[in-house]
Amino acid sequence: MANSRRCSVVIPTYDRADLLAYTLESLSRQSLPTDRFEVLIGDDGSTDHTASVIDRYRDRLDLHHLFQEHDGVGVTRARNRCIRRATGEICVLLDSGVMAHSGLLAAHLARHESTPDPLAVIGYVYGFTLDGDDSELERMIDPWDADATIAGFAARGEHPDVRDEFYRRYHDDFADLPAPWIMYWTCNVSARTSQLRDVGMFDESFRNTGGDDLDLAYRLHCDDARFVLDRAASAVHYPHPKDFAQNLKSMMVNYHCMIEKYRSPVMPLLLAAPTIHPFNINDVIAALRLPPAATRMDGKHAR
């Protein structure tokens, strides 16, 4: 008998109605039957037409709109509300504007079903960059057809995931690196719902954006989740304005919080960016012979 495991798709949003529409359209075209997944939207107080976009997809998806008042730093709270409400055994975390290939959810579920061990699955995201508004890339994306866009990029070798530098350096099987959690960026990832809850979900004490996904990933790592890349769980990131310098400044505040929270000599390395960065930090850890993580109990205790 086919496995009937369900998943819960968690999408935080704030005044990104058009980007959210692209994501919901892609989810409405999944190969996974609609009774196998739900979509929970953590809305941090949107004032645009987000509600009408969500209403447009209610007859095509099992949708839940979780609205909260906007306080400027509510993305962690929005995600946690969704995770608490999730009924699926697996949570798939996406961002507004991430257009899922029709096989993305099936791929996430299949990977988790392939082993009894807890996994932290990282999906592949075409067009994912760290900075800027790429108008050329925008012209190449059909926002209503993720599959065709992804197929074109893959065939031409164009607009790879920015993390390809890491994957080329360590190959796709990097779970045994000292810090595999450094690639767990929550635009397209998954984990067991029960484990996300057990490790404390996202840290709502963070008052700046950025780094909250690595904080969660570190705790998953301490709780014995094995980090894997699954290229079949592919998506394309619709471009929108970003400021890497400003984002990095914001992340540094959260990195200081992580240093205080965890008894790990790895965490101070995060402050050495851009000299030490996600693509070379594992080499630095190995060169300095640093212990890679706190113990299991420490990792779960420090939330």
C-alpha atoms as a PDB file:
ATOM      1  CA  MET A   1       0.000   0.000   0.000  1.00  0.00           C
ATOM      2  CA  ALA A   2       1.303   3.462  -0.847  1.00  0.00           C
ATOM      3  CA  ASN A   3       2.585   5.560   2.014  1.00  0.00           C
ATOM      4  CA  SER A   4       0.002   8.168   2.998  1.00  0.00           C
ATOM      5  CA  ARG A   5       2.287  10.462   4.952  1.00  0.00           C
ATOM      6  CA  ARG A   6       1.178  14.069   4.748  1.00  0.00           C
ATOM      7  CA  CYS A   7       3.183  17.254   4.729  1.00  0.00           C
ATOM      8  CA  SER A   8       2.455  20.784   5.853  1.00  0.00           C
ATOM      9  CA  VAL A   9       3.808  23.618   3.712  1.00  0.00           C
ATOM     10  CA  VAL A  10       4.750  26.668   5.803  1.00  0.00           C
ATOM     11  CA  ILE A  11       5.018  30.047   4.045  1.00  0.00           C
ATOM     12  CA  PRO A  12       5.646  33.306   5.918  1.00  0.00           C
ATOM     13  CA  THR A  13       4.629  36.482   4.125  1.00  0.00           C
ATOM     14  CA  TYR A  14       4.290  40.228   4.543  1.00  0.00           C
ATOM     15  CA  ASP A  15       2.982  42.503   1.771  1.00  0.00           C
ATOM     16  CA  ARG A  16       4.192  40.193  -0.994  1.00  0.00           C
ATOM     17  CA  ALA A  17       0.854  39.275  -2.507  1.00  0.00           C
ATOM     18  CA  ASP A  18       2.093  38.862  -6.082  1.00  0.00           C
ATOM     19  CA  LEU A  19       5.065  36.741  -5.035  1.00  0.00           C
ATOM     20  CA  LEU A  20       2.785  34.652  -2.835  1.00  0.00           C
ATOM     21  CA  ALA A  21       0.482  34.085  -5.818  1.00  0.00           C
ATOM     22  CA  TYR A  22       3.357  32.584  -7.819  1.00  0.00           C
ATOM     23  CA  THR A  23       4.130  30.193  -4.959  1.00  0.00           C
ATOM     24  CA  LEU A  24       0.507  29.153  -4.487  1.00  0.00           C
ATOM     25  CA  GLU A  25       0.076  28.614  -8.225  1.00  0.00           C
ATOM     26  CA  SER A  26       3.038  26.240  -8.209  1.00  0.00           C
ATOM     27  CA  LEU A  27       1.646  24.383  -5.199  1.00  0.00           C
ATOM     28  CA  SER A  28      -1.695  23.982  -6.951  1.00  0.00           C
ATOM     29  CA  ARG A  29       0.135  22.020  -9.687  1.00  0.00           C
ATOM     30  CA  GLN A  30       1.887  19.476  -7.472  1.00  0.00           C
ATOM     31  CA  SER A  31       2.003  15.828  -8.477  1.00  0.00           C
ATOM     32  CA  LEU A  32       1.309  14.988  -4.831  1.00  0.00           C
ATOM     33  CA  PRO A  33      -2.477  14.628  -4.363  1.00  0.00           C
ATOM     34  CA  THR A  34      -4.039  17.594  -2.593  1.00  0.00           C
ATOM     35  CA  ASP A  35      -5.247  15.397   0.273  1.00  0.00           C
ATOM     36  CA  ARG A  36      -1.604  14.667   1.095  1.00  0.00           C
ATOM     37  CA  PHE A  37      -0.653  18.221   1.996  1.00  0.00           C
ATOM     38  CA  GLU A  38      -1.883  21.448   3.539  1.00  0.00           C
ATOM     39  CA  VAL A  39      -0.607  24.995   3.098  1.00  0.00           C
ATOM     40  CA  LEU A  40      -0.248  27.250   6.131  1.00  0.00           C
ATOM     41  CA  ILE A  41       0.453  30.930   5.451  1.00  0.00           C
ATOM     42  CA  GLY A  42       1.923  32.885   8.348  1.00  0.00           C
ATOM     43  CA  ASP A  43       0.875  36.424   7.513  1.00  0.00           C
ATOM     44  CA  ASP A  44       2.782  39.047   9.520  1.00  0.00           C
ATOM     45  CA  GLY A  45       0.134  41.749   9.157  1.00  0.00           C
ATOM     46  CA  SER A  46      -0.031  42.285   5.380  1.00  0.00           C
ATOM     47  CA  THR A  47      -1.840  45.427   4.246  1.00  0.00           C
ATOM     48  CA  ASP A  48      -1.852  44.668   0.499  1.00  0.00           C
ATOM     49  CA  HIS A  49      -4.112  42.221  -1.390  1.00  0.00           C
ATOM     50  CA  THR A  50      -2.610  39.113   0.244  1.00  0.00           C
ATOM     51  CA  ALA A  51      -5.991  38.002   1.600  1.00  0.00           C
ATOM     52  CA  SER A  52      -7.620  38.105  -1.841  1.00  0.00           C
ATOM     53  CA  VAL A  53      -4.744  36.091  -3.333  1.00  0.00           C
ATOM     54  CA  ILE A  54      -5.214  33.444  -0.664  1.00  0.00           C
ATOM     55  CA  ASP A  55      -8.972  33.377  -1.256  1.00  0.00           C
ATOM     56  CA  ARG A  56      -8.342  32.794  -4.954  1.00  0.00           C
ATOM     57  CA  TYR A  57      -6.692  29.446  -4.181  1.00  0.00           C
ATOM     58  CA  ARG A  58      -8.979  28.120  -1.466  1.00  0.00           C
ATOM     59  CA  ASP A  59     -10.841  25.842  -3.868  1.00  0.00           C
ATOM     60  CA  ARG A  60      -7.563  24.373  -5.189  1.00  0.00           C
ATOM     61  CA  LEU A  61      -5.544  23.947  -1.994  1.00  0.00           C
ATOM     62  CA  ASP A  62      -6.119  23.068   1.659  1.00  0.00           C
ATOM     63  CA  LEU A  63      -5.243  26.604   2.804  1.00  0.00           C
ATOM     64  CA  HIS A  64      -4.960  28.105   6.257  1.00  0.00           C
ATOM     65  CA  HIS A  65      -4.383  31.850   6.615  1.00  0.00           C
ATOM     66  CA  LEU A  66      -2.825  32.667  10.002  1.00  0.00           C
ATOM     67  CA  PHE A  67      -2.848  36.444  10.366  1.00  0.00           C
ATOM     68  CA  GLN A  68      -1.033  38.370  13.089  1.00  0.00           C
ATOM     69  CA  GLU A  69      -0.411  42.054  13.723  1.00  0.00           C
ATOM     70  CA  HIS A  70       2.803  43.308  12.147  1.00  0.00           C
ATOM     71  CA  ASP A  71       5.637  44.260  14.510  1.00  0.00           C
ATOM     72  CA  GLY A  72       8.491  44.385  12.012  1.00  0.00           C
ATOM     73  CA  VAL A  73      10.272  41.216  13.123  1.00  0.00           C
ATOM     74  CA  GLY A  74       7.423  38.731  13.159  1.00  0.00           C
ATOM     75  CA  VAL A  75       8.630  36.181  10.610  1.00  0.00           C
ATOM     76  CA  THR A  76       9.825  33.746  13.293  1.00  0.00           C
ATOM     77  CA  ARG A  77       6.524  34.065  15.146  1.00  0.00           C
ATOM     78  CA  ALA A  78       4.580  33.612  11.903  1.00  0.00           C
ATOM     79  CA  ARG A  79       6.474  30.438  11.025  1.00  0.00           C
ATOM     80  CA  ASN A  80       6.087  29.039  14.540  1.00  0.00           C
ATOM     81  CA  ARG A  81       2.327  29.588  14.529  1.00  0.00           C
ATOM     82  CA  CYS A  82       2.157  27.530  11.359  1.00  0.00           C
ATOM     83  CA  ILE A  83       4.386  24.758  12.720  1.00  0.00           C
ATOM     84  CA  ARG A  84       2.250  24.522  15.860  1.00  0.00           C
ATOM     85  CA  ARG A  85      -0.887  24.202  13.718  1.00  0.00           C
ATOM     86  CA  ALA A  86       0.630  21.763  11.240  1.00  0.00           C
ATOM     87  CA  THR A  87      -1.056  18.369  10.911  1.00  0.00           C
ATOM     88  CA  GLY A  88       1.481  16.818   8.520  1.00  0.00           C
ATOM     89  CA  GLU A  89       4.318  14.599   9.702  1.00  0.00           C
ATOM     90  CA  ILE A  90       6.731  16.655   7.603  1.00  0.00           C
ATOM     91  CA  CYS A  91       6.971  20.446   7.397  1.00  0.00           C
ATOM     92  CA  VAL A  92       8.183  21.910   4.114  1.00  0.00           C
ATOM     93  CA  LEU A  93       9.363  25.497   4.591  1.00  0.00           C
ATOM     94  CA  LEU A  94       9.085  27.788   1.559  1.00  0.00           C
ATOM     95  CA  ASP A  95       9.274  31.543   1.034  1.00  0.00           C
ATOM     96  CA  SER A  96       6.887  33.781  -0.863  1.00  0.00           C
ATOM     97  CA  GLY A  97       8.132  33.958  -4.437  1.00  0.00           C
ATOM     98  CA  VAL A  98       9.661  30.477  -4.422  1.00  0.00           C
ATOM     99  CA  MET A  99       7.961  28.615  -7.261  1.00  0.00           C
ATOM    100  CA  ALA A 100       7.925  24.872  -6.595  1.00  0.00           C
ATOM    101  CA  HIS A 101       8.476  22.298  -9.316  1.00  0.00           C
ATOM    102  CA  SER A 102       5.442  20.032  -9.590  1.00  0.00           C
ATOM    103  CA  GLY A 103       7.443  17.216  -7.995  1.00  0.00           C
ATOM    104  CA  LEU A 104       8.865  19.232  -5.104  1.00  0.00           C
ATOM    105  CA  LEU A 105       6.554  18.059  -2.326  1.00  0.00           C
ATOM    106  CA  ALA A 106       6.660  14.444  -3.497  1.00  0.00           C
ATOM    107  CA  ALA A 107      10.461  14.612  -3.501  1.00  0.00           C
ATOM    108  CA  HIS A 108      10.617  15.997   0.039  1.00  0.00           C
ATOM    109  CA  LEU A 109       8.275  13.284   1.294  1.00  0.00           C
ATOM    110  CA  ALA A 110      10.081  10.510  -0.574  1.00  0.00           C
ATOM    111  CA  ARG A 111      13.407  11.492   0.929  1.00  0.00           C
ATOM    112  CA  HIS A 112      11.996  11.420   4.464  1.00  0.00           C
ATOM    113  CA  GLU A 113      10.298   8.099   3.764  1.00  0.00           C
ATOM    114  CA  SER A 114      13.587   6.598   2.559  1.00  0.00           C
ATOM    115  CA  THR A 115      14.986   6.267   6.087  1.00  0.00           C
ATOM    116  CA  PRO A 116      13.730   6.018   9.670  1.00  0.00           C
ATOM    117  CA  ASP A 117      16.401   8.499  10.730  1.00  0.00           C
ATOM    118  CA  PRO A 118      15.529  12.195  11.086  1.00  0.00           C
ATOM    119  CA  LEU A 119      16.524  14.278   8.082  1.00  0.00           C
ATOM    120  CA  ALA A 120      16.876  17.963   7.350  1.00  0.00           C
ATOM    121  CA  VAL A 121      16.276  18.086   3.594  1.00  0.00           C
ATOM    122  CA  ILE A 122      17.572  20.979   1.495  1.00  0.00           C
ATOM    123  CA  GLY A 123      15.897  21.595  -1.855  1.00  0.00           C
ATOM    124  CA  TYR A 124      17.586  23.128  -4.887  1.00  0.00           C
ATOM    125  CA  VAL A 125      16.570  26.693  -5.832  1.00  0.00           C
ATOM    126  CA  TYR A 126      17.336  28.031  -9.304  1.00  0.00           C
ATOM    127  CA  GLY A 127      17.834  31.787  -9.546  1.00  0.00           C
ATOM    128  CA  PHE A 128      18.526  32.097  -5.825  1.00  0.00           C
ATOM    129  CA  THR A 129      20.987  34.945  -5.223  1.00  0.00           C
ATOM    130  CA  LEU A 130      22.091  36.943  -2.195  1.00  0.00           C
ATOM    131  CA  ASP A 131      21.859  40.463  -3.525  1.00  0.00           C
ATOM    132  CA  GLY A 132      20.126  42.723  -5.981  1.00  0.00           C
ATOM    133  CA  ASP A 133      17.135  42.787  -8.264  1.00  0.00           C
ATOM    134  CA  ASP A 134      17.910  40.772 -11.420  1.00  0.00           C
ATOM    135  CA  SER A 135      15.668  42.182 -14.145  1.00  0.00           C
ATOM    136  CA  GLU A 136      17.229  39.896 -16.776  1.00  0.00           C
ATOM    137  CA  LEU A 137      16.398  36.850 -14.692  1.00  0.00           C
ATOM    138  CA  GLU A 138      12.868  38.150 -14.186  1.00  0.00           C
ATOM    139  CA  ARG A 139      12.327  38.238 -17.958  1.00  0.00           C
ATOM    140  CA  MET A 140      13.404  34.594 -18.225  1.00  0.00           C
ATOM    141  CA  ILE A 141      10.948  33.296 -15.633  1.00  0.00           C
ATOM    142  CA  ASP A 142       7.376  32.325 -16.393  1.00  0.00           C
ATOM    143  CA  PRO A 143       5.824  32.962 -12.969  1.00  0.00           C
ATOM    144  CA  TRP A 144       2.890  30.679 -13.799  1.00  0.00           C
ATOM    145  CA  ASP A 145       4.945  27.714 -15.043  1.00  0.00           C
ATOM    146  CA  ALA A 146       7.675  26.663 -12.636  1.00  0.00           C
ATOM    147  CA  ASP A 147       8.344  23.363 -14.417  1.00  0.00           C
ATOM    148  CA  ALA A 148       9.067  24.970 -17.786  1.00  0.00           C
ATOM    149  CA  THR A 149      11.282  27.631 -16.217  1.00  0.00           C
ATOM    150  CA  ILE A 150      13.296  25.084 -14.227  1.00  0.00           C
ATOM    151  CA  ALA A 151      13.645  22.781 -17.227  1.00  0.00           C
ATOM    152  CA  GLY A 152      15.023  25.641 -19.313  1.00  0.00           C
ATOM    153  CA  PHE A 153      17.531  26.727 -16.684  1.00  0.00           C
ATOM    154  CA  ALA A 154      18.685  23.134 -16.104  1.00  0.00           C
ATOM    155  CA  ALA A 155      19.087  22.393 -19.824  1.00  0.00           C
ATOM    156  CA  ARG A 156      21.096  25.552 -20.447  1.00  0.00           C
ATOM    157  CA  GLY A 157      23.063  25.433 -17.194  1.00  0.00           C
ATOM    158  CA  GLU A 158      21.795  28.888 -16.277  1.00  0.00           C
ATOM    159  CA  HIS A 159      21.013  30.612 -12.983  1.00  0.00           C
ATOM    160  CA  PRO A 160      22.063  27.843 -10.584  1.00  0.00           C
ATOM    161  CA  ASP A 161      21.422  27.981  -6.859  1.00  0.00           C
ATOM    162  CA  VAL A 162      23.932  30.357  -5.246  1.00  0.00           C
ATOM    163  CA  ARG A 163      24.933  27.445  -2.992  1.00  0.00           C
ATOM    164  CA  ASP A 164      26.305  25.562  -6.008  1.00  0.00           C
ATOM    165  CA  GLU A 165      29.758  26.767  -4.972  1.00  0.00           C
ATOM    166  CA  PHE A 166      29.357  24.772  -1.757  1.00  0.00           C
ATOM    167  CA  TYR A 167      27.926  21.722  -3.548  1.00  0.00           C
ATOM    168  CA  ARG A 168      30.802  21.714  -6.062  1.00  0.00           C
ATOM    169  CA  ARG A 169      33.338  21.946  -3.242  1.00  0.00           C
ATOM    170  CA  TYR A 170      31.889  19.129  -1.128  1.00  0.00           C
ATOM    171  CA  HIS A 171      29.608  17.329  -3.594  1.00  0.00           C
ATOM    172  CA  ASP A 172      25.979  16.620  -2.794  1.00  0.00           C
ATOM    173  CA  ASP A 173      26.723  14.273   0.112  1.00  0.00           C
ATOM    174  CA  PHE A 174      27.985  16.668   2.773  1.00  0.00           C
ATOM    175  CA  ALA A 175      26.158  15.390   5.856  1.00  0.00           C
ATOM    176  CA  ASP A 176      29.381  14.380   7.585  1.00  0.00           C
ATOM    177  CA  LEU A 177      30.958  17.819   7.425  1.00  0.00           C
ATOM    178  CA  PRO A 178      31.408  19.488  10.820  1.00  0.00           C
ATOM    179  CA  ALA A 179      28.787  22.139   9.958  1.00  0.00           C
ATOM    180  CA  PRO A 180      26.377  20.794   7.316  1.00  0.00           C
ATOM    181  CA  TRP A 181      23.677  22.982   8.866  1.00  0.00           C
ATOM    182  CA  ILE A 182      25.272  26.073   7.286  1.00  0.00           C
ATOM    183  CA  MET A 183      23.333  25.405   4.023  1.00  0.00           C
ATOM    184  CA  TYR A 184      19.897  25.021   5.615  1.00  0.00           C
ATOM    185  CA  TRP A 185      18.339  28.234   4.331  1.00  0.00           C
ATOM    186  CA  THR A 186      14.591  28.130   4.764  1.00  0.00           C
ATOM    187  CA  CYS A 187      13.495  29.151   1.275  1.00  0.00           C
ATOM    188  CA  ASN A 188      13.041  25.438   0.397  1.00  0.00           C
ATOM    189  CA  VAL A 189      13.774  22.905   3.156  1.00  0.00           C
ATOM    190  CA  SER A 190      11.944  20.294   5.203  1.00  0.00           C
ATOM    191  CA  ALA A 191      12.148  18.429   8.505  1.00  0.00           C
ATOM    192  CA  ARG A 192       9.935  16.293  10.700  1.00  0.00           C
ATOM    193  CA  THR A 193       7.244  18.384  12.341  1.00  0.00           C
ATOM    194  CA  SER A 194       7.760  16.638  15.667  1.00  0.00           C
ATOM    195  CA  GLN A 195      11.498  17.334  15.608  1.00  0.00           C
ATOM    196  CA  LEU A 196      10.981  20.998  14.747  1.00  0.00           C
ATOM    197  CA  ARG A 197       8.746  21.272  17.802  1.00  0.00           C
ATOM    198  CA  ASP A 198      11.116  19.272  20.001  1.00  0.00           C
ATOM    199  CA  VAL A 199      14.094  21.548  19.303  1.00  0.00           C
ATOM    200  CA  GLY A 200      12.059  24.684  19.962  1.00  0.00           C
ATOM    201  CA  MET A 201      11.208  25.816  16.405  1.00  0.00           C
ATOM    202  CA  PHE A 202      12.394  29.310  15.412  1.00  0.00           C
ATOM    203  CA  ASP A 203      13.762  31.559  18.144  1.00  0.00           C
ATOM    204  CA  GLU A 204      11.207  34.348  18.599  1.00  0.00           C
ATOM    205  CA  SER A 205      13.600  36.360  20.736  1.00  0.00           C
ATOM    206  CA  PHE A 206      15.542  37.336  17.618  1.00  0.00           C
ATOM    207  CA  ARG A 207      14.662  40.944  16.900  1.00  0.00           C
ATOM    208  CA  ASN A 208      16.481  41.161  13.571  1.00  0.00           C
ATOM    209  CA  THR A 209      15.975  39.301  10.334  1.00  0.00           C
ATOM    210  CA  GLY A 210      18.437  36.720   9.050  1.00  0.00           C
ATOM    211  CA  GLY A 211      20.295  33.897  10.729  1.00  0.00           C
ATOM    212  CA  ASP A 212      17.181  32.485  12.386  1.00  0.00           C
ATOM    213  CA  ASP A 213      17.245  29.581   9.931  1.00  0.00           C
ATOM    214  CA  LEU A 214      20.850  28.711  10.821  1.00  0.00           C
ATOM    215  CA  ASP A 215      19.961  28.906  14.501  1.00  0.00           C
ATOM    216  CA  LEU A 216      17.211  26.346  13.924  1.00  0.00           C
ATOM    217  CA  ALA A 217      19.468  24.236  11.711  1.00  0.00           C
ATOM    218  CA  TYR A 218      22.161  24.087  14.375  1.00  0.00           C
ATOM    219  CA  ARG A 219      19.661  22.722  16.878  1.00  0.00           C
ATOM    220  CA  LEU A 220      18.440  20.134  14.352  1.00  0.00           C
ATOM    221  CA  HIS A 221      22.083  19.124  13.884  1.00  0.00           C
ATOM    222  CA  CYS A 222      22.563  18.761  17.631  1.00  0.00           C
ATOM    223  CA  ASP A 223      19.407  16.636  17.692  1.00  0.00           C
ATOM    224  CA  ASP A 224      20.950  14.191  15.187  1.00  0.00           C
ATOM    225  CA  ALA A 225      19.136  15.292  12.039  1.00  0.00           C
ATOM    226  CA  ARG A 226      21.124  14.312   8.940  1.00  0.00           C
ATOM    227  CA  PHE A 227      21.405  17.106   6.372  1.00  0.00           C
ATOM    228  CA  VAL A 228      20.866  16.083   2.750  1.00  0.00           C
ATOM    229  CA  LEU A 229      20.521  17.881  -0.564  1.00  0.00           C
ATOM    230  CA  ASP A 230      17.693  16.668  -2.793  1.00  0.00           C
ATOM    231  CA  ARG A 231      17.879  18.164  -6.278  1.00  0.00           C
ATOM    232  CA  ALA A 232      14.526  16.611  -7.181  1.00  0.00           C
ATOM    233  CA  ALA A 233      12.946  18.990  -4.661  1.00  0.00           C
ATOM    234  CA  SER A 234      13.660  21.869  -7.004  1.00  0.00           C
ATOM    235  CA  ALA A 235      12.212  25.345  -7.229  1.00  0.00           C
ATOM    236  CA  VAL A 236      12.920  28.705  -8.821  1.00  0.00           C
ATOM    237  CA  HIS A 237      13.272  31.927  -6.874  1.00  0.00           C
ATOM    238  CA  TYR A 238      11.441  34.862  -8.414  1.00  0.00           C
ATOM    239  CA  PRO A 239      13.757  37.895  -8.090  1.00  0.00           C
ATOM    240  CA  HIS A 240      12.933  40.806  -5.839  1.00  0.00           C
ATOM    241  CA  PRO A 241      15.051  43.631  -4.395  1.00  0.00           C
ATOM    242  CA  LYS A 242      17.516  42.612  -1.688  1.00  0.00           C
ATOM    243  CA  ASP A 243      20.372  44.373   0.041  1.00  0.00           C
ATOM    244  CA  PHE A 244      23.028  41.846   1.045  1.00  0.00           C
ATOM    245  CA  ALA A 245      25.099  44.393   3.015  1.00  0.00           C
ATOM    246  CA  GLN A 246      22.087  45.422   5.083  1.00  0.00           C
ATOM    247  CA  ASN A 247      20.975  41.821   5.534  1.00  0.00           C
ATOM    248  CA  LEU A 248      24.448  40.831   6.712  1.00  0.00           C
ATOM    249  CA  LYS A 249      24.454  43.668   9.244  1.00  0.00           C
ATOM    250  CA  SER A 250      21.127  42.446  10.569  1.00  0.00           C
ATOM    251  CA  MET A 251      22.314  38.832  10.696  1.00  0.00           C
ATOM    252  CA  MET A 252      25.354  39.817  12.745  1.00  0.00           C
ATOM    253  CA  VAL A 253      23.073  40.839  15.586  1.00  0.00           C
ATOM    254  CA  ASN A 254      21.520  37.374  15.587  1.00  0.00           C
ATOM    255  CA  TYR A 255      24.926  35.721  15.312  1.00  0.00           C
ATOM    256  CA  HIS A 256      25.912  37.442  18.564  1.00  0.00           C
ATOM    257  CA  CYS A 257      22.798  35.951  20.136  1.00  0.00           C
ATOM    258  CA  MET A 258      23.796  32.494  18.893  1.00  0.00           C
ATOM    259  CA  ILE A 259      27.260  32.871  20.418  1.00  0.00           C
ATOM    260  CA  GLU A 260      25.654  33.626  23.765  1.00  0.00           C
ATOM    261  CA  LYS A 261      23.162  30.759  23.479  1.00  0.00           C
ATOM    262  CA  TYR A 262      25.475  27.906  22.533  1.00  0.00           C
ATOM    263  CA  ARG A 263      28.680  26.582  24.020  1.00  0.00           C
ATOM    264  CA  SER A 264      30.220  26.044  20.612  1.00  0.00           C
ATOM    265  CA  PRO A 265      33.548  27.466  19.412  1.00  0.00           C
ATOM    266  CA  VAL A 266      32.142  27.386  15.864  1.00  0.00           C
ATOM    267  CA  MET A 267      29.677  30.232  16.367  1.00  0.00           C
ATOM    268  CA  PRO A 268      32.223  33.093  16.633  1.00  0.00           C
ATOM    269  CA  LEU A 269      33.406  32.207  13.126  1.00  0.00           C
ATOM    270  CA  LEU A 270      30.109  33.557  11.802  1.00  0.00           C
ATOM    271  CA  LEU A 271      31.233  37.049  12.779  1.00  0.00           C
ATOM    272  CA  ALA A 272      34.252  36.855  10.463  1.00  0.00           C
ATOM    273  CA  ALA A 273      32.095  37.287   7.339  1.00  0.00           C
ATOM    274  CA  PRO A 274      32.823  37.896   4.552  1.00  0.00           C
ATOM    275  CA  THR A 275      36.341  36.458   5.090  1.00  0.00           C
ATOM    276  CA  ILE A 276      34.826  33.323   6.572  1.00  0.00           C
ATOM    277  CA  HIS A 277      31.515  32.539   4.959  1.00  0.00           C
ATOM    278  CA  PRO A 278      29.091  29.621   4.493  1.00  0.00           C
ATOM    279  CA  PHE A 279      31.057  28.239   1.547  1.00  0.00           C
ATOM    280  CA  ASN A 280      34.387  27.899   3.372  1.00  0.00           C
ATOM    281  CA  ILE A 281      33.511  27.696   7.073  1.00  0.00           C
ATOM    282  CA  ASN A 282      33.795  23.898   7.133  1.00  0.00           C
ATOM    283  CA  ASP A 283      37.387  24.123   5.908  1.00  0.00           C
ATOM    284  CA  VAL A 284      38.156  26.629   8.670  1.00  0.00           C
ATOM    285  CA  ILE A 285      36.560  24.408  11.312  1.00  0.00           C
ATOM    286  CA  ALA A 286      38.632  21.463  10.108  1.00  0.00           C
ATOM    287  CA  ALA A 287      41.840  23.496   9.933  1.00  0.00           C
ATOM    288  CA  LEU A 288      41.370  24.799  13.476  1.00  0.00           C
ATOM    289  CA  ARG A 289      40.266  21.341  14.677  1.00  0.00           C
ATOM    290  CA  LEU A 290      37.232  22.791  16.396  1.00  0.00           C
ATOM    291  CA  PRO A 291      34.562  20.518  17.850  1.00  0.00           C
ATOM    292  CA  PRO A 292      31.651  20.860  15.409  1.00  0.00           C
ATOM    293  CA  ALA A 293      28.676  21.110  17.758  1.00  0.00           C
ATOM    294  CA  ALA A 294      27.435  21.067  21.294  1.00  0.00           C
ATOM    295  CA  THR A 295      26.170  17.827  22.728  1.00  0.00           C
ATOM    296  CA  ARG A 296      22.674  16.658  21.948  1.00  0.00           C
ATOM    297  CA  MET A 297      21.369  17.889  25.308  1.00  0.00           C
ATOM    298  CA  ASP A 298      23.081  21.264  24.953  1.00  0.00           C
ATOM    299  CA  GLY A 299      21.669  21.738  21.476  1.00  0.00           C
ATOM    300  CA  LYS A 300      18.105  21.095  22.622  1.00  0.00           C
ATOM    301  CA  HIS A 301      18.439  23.102  25.793  1.00  0.00           C
ATOM    302  CA  ALA A 302      19.691  26.314  24.187  1.00  0.00           C
ATOM    303  CA  ARG A 303      16.644  27.688  22.374  1.00  0.00           C
END
